[in-house]
């Protein structure tokens, strides 16, 4: 499984994300589902029940990387495997 060698669990990553959001984006929440990648996790940021943006959590240090480079969130499209 991707990300399985990280020091942090997906639940810990979500907790770190929510703590960061509480300080820097009050009124937003970390989505329940955490996407696992090699070395980091990505979490959707929710506001008023909708995806607002996303952030990544380093799976080793817990550092947050808020995604600002792609502009406003428009829609989410799931791709079939």
C-alpha atoms as a PDB file:
ATOM      1  CA  UNK A   1       0.000   0.000   0.000  1.00  0.00           C
ATOM      2  CA  UNK A   2       1.311   3.431  -0.910  1.00  0.00           C
ATOM      3  CA  UNK A   3       2.392   5.421   2.120  1.00  0.00           C
ATOM      4  CA  UNK A   4       2.558   2.372   4.387  1.00  0.00           C
ATOM      5  CA  UNK A   5       6.186   3.080   5.324  1.00  0.00           C
ATOM      6  CA  UNK A   6       5.407   6.520   6.746  1.00  0.00           C
ATOM      7  CA  UNK A   7       5.646   7.182  10.467  1.00  0.00           C
ATOM      8  CA  UNK A   8       2.127   8.643  10.565  1.00  0.00           C
ATOM      9  CA  UNK A   9      -1.228   6.916  10.119  1.00  0.00           C
ATOM     10  CA  UNK A  10      -3.986   8.369   7.927  1.00  0.00           C
ATOM     11  CA  UNK A  11      -5.928   9.194  11.103  1.00  0.00           C
ATOM     12  CA  UNK A  12      -2.966  11.156  12.481  1.00  0.00           C
ATOM     13  CA  UNK A  13      -2.617  12.966   9.153  1.00  0.00           C
ATOM     14  CA  UNK A  14      -6.302  13.955   9.282  1.00  0.00           C
ATOM     15  CA  UNK A  15      -5.864  15.182  12.863  1.00  0.00           C
ATOM     16  CA  UNK A  16      -2.835  17.282  11.846  1.00  0.00           C
ATOM     17  CA  UNK A  17      -4.814  18.666   8.927  1.00  0.00           C
ATOM     18  CA  UNK A  18      -7.742  19.630  11.163  1.00  0.00           C
ATOM     19  CA  UNK A  19      -5.466  21.292  13.716  1.00  0.00           C
ATOM     20  CA  UNK A  20      -3.897  23.361  10.917  1.00  0.00           C
ATOM     21  CA  UNK A  21      -7.326  24.273   9.523  1.00  0.00           C
ATOM     22  CA  UNK A  22      -8.547  25.348  12.956  1.00  0.00           C
ATOM     23  CA  UNK A  23      -5.761  27.937  13.066  1.00  0.00           C
ATOM     24  CA  UNK A  24      -5.467  29.059   9.437  1.00  0.00           C
ATOM     25  CA  UNK A  25      -8.931  28.413   7.937  1.00  0.00           C
ATOM     26  CA  UNK A  26     -11.508  28.492  10.749  1.00  0.00           C
ATOM     27  CA  UNK A  27     -14.890  27.191   9.616  1.00  0.00           C
ATOM     28  CA  UNK A  28     -13.392  24.467   7.428  1.00  0.00           C
ATOM     29  CA  UNK A  29     -12.951  20.782   8.203  1.00  0.00           C
ATOM     30  CA  UNK A  30     -10.736  17.959   7.034  1.00  0.00           C
ATOM     31  CA  UNK A  31     -12.694  15.373   5.046  1.00  0.00           C
ATOM     32  CA  UNK A  32     -13.049  11.929   6.605  1.00  0.00           C
ATOM     33  CA  UNK A  33     -11.349  10.180   3.680  1.00  0.00           C
ATOM     34  CA  UNK A  34      -7.586  10.606   3.429  1.00  0.00           C
ATOM     35  CA  UNK A  35      -5.815   9.795   0.152  1.00  0.00           C
ATOM     36  CA  UNK A  36      -2.533   7.946   0.669  1.00  0.00           C
ATOM     37  CA  UNK A  37       0.511   8.564  -1.536  1.00  0.00           C
ATOM     38  CA  UNK A  38       4.194   7.745  -1.146  1.00  0.00           C
ATOM     39  CA  UNK A  39       5.447   9.828   1.764  1.00  0.00           C
ATOM     40  CA  UNK A  40       2.385  12.021   2.162  1.00  0.00           C
ATOM     41  CA  UNK A  41      -1.382  12.133   2.511  1.00  0.00           C
ATOM     42  CA  UNK A  42      -3.839  14.414   0.729  1.00  0.00           C
ATOM     43  CA  UNK A  43      -6.973  15.611   2.487  1.00  0.00           C
ATOM     44  CA  UNK A  44      -9.912  17.529   1.006  1.00  0.00           C
ATOM     45  CA  UNK A  45     -10.796  20.705   2.857  1.00  0.00           C
ATOM     46  CA  UNK A  46     -14.555  21.005   3.386  1.00  0.00           C
ATOM     47  CA  UNK A  47     -16.614  24.165   3.857  1.00  0.00           C
ATOM     48  CA  UNK A  48     -20.414  24.292   4.110  1.00  0.00           C
ATOM     49  CA  UNK A  49     -20.599  20.596   3.171  1.00  0.00           C
ATOM     50  CA  UNK A  50     -18.644  20.985  -0.082  1.00  0.00           C
ATOM     51  CA  UNK A  51     -15.025  20.511  -1.142  1.00  0.00           C
ATOM     52  CA  UNK A  52     -13.323  23.888  -0.752  1.00  0.00           C
ATOM     53  CA  UNK A  53      -9.707  22.974  -1.498  1.00  0.00           C
ATOM     54  CA  UNK A  54      -7.131  20.395  -0.455  1.00  0.00           C
ATOM     55  CA  UNK A  55      -3.927  20.074   1.486  1.00  0.00           C
ATOM     56  CA  UNK A  56      -1.203  17.495   1.904  1.00  0.00           C
ATOM     57  CA  UNK A  57       0.376  16.209   5.097  1.00  0.00           C
ATOM     58  CA  UNK A  58       3.958  14.953   5.140  1.00  0.00           C
ATOM     59  CA  UNK A  59       3.773  11.337   6.360  1.00  0.00           C
ATOM     60  CA  UNK A  60       7.007  11.650   8.346  1.00  0.00           C
ATOM     61  CA  UNK A  61       7.059  15.156   9.830  1.00  0.00           C
ATOM     62  CA  UNK A  62       3.351  16.002   9.795  1.00  0.00           C
ATOM     63  CA  UNK A  63       4.078  19.288   8.008  1.00  0.00           C
ATOM     64  CA  UNK A  64       1.129  20.770   6.086  1.00  0.00           C
ATOM     65  CA  UNK A  65       1.299  21.854   2.440  1.00  0.00           C
ATOM     66  CA  UNK A  66      -1.862  23.790   1.526  1.00  0.00           C
ATOM     67  CA  UNK A  67      -2.651  23.607  -2.204  1.00  0.00           C
ATOM     68  CA  UNK A  68      -2.864  27.153  -3.565  1.00  0.00           C
ATOM     69  CA  UNK A  69      -1.462  26.776  -7.063  1.00  0.00           C
ATOM     70  CA  UNK A  70      -4.545  25.390  -8.845  1.00  0.00           C
ATOM     71  CA  UNK A  71      -7.035  28.164  -8.014  1.00  0.00           C
ATOM     72  CA  UNK A  72     -10.621  27.707  -6.858  1.00  0.00           C
ATOM     73  CA  UNK A  73     -12.011  24.184  -6.630  1.00  0.00           C
ATOM     74  CA  UNK A  74     -14.607  23.569  -9.344  1.00  0.00           C
ATOM     75  CA  UNK A  75     -15.424  19.853  -9.328  1.00  0.00           C
ATOM     76  CA  UNK A  76     -14.110  16.426  -8.444  1.00  0.00           C
ATOM     77  CA  UNK A  77     -14.010  13.696 -11.058  1.00  0.00           C
ATOM     78  CA  UNK A  78     -13.397  10.078 -10.076  1.00  0.00           C
ATOM     79  CA  UNK A  79     -11.482   8.057 -12.636  1.00  0.00           C
ATOM     80  CA  UNK A  80     -12.103   4.342 -13.057  1.00  0.00           C
ATOM     81  CA  UNK A  81      -9.139   2.015 -12.664  1.00  0.00           C
END
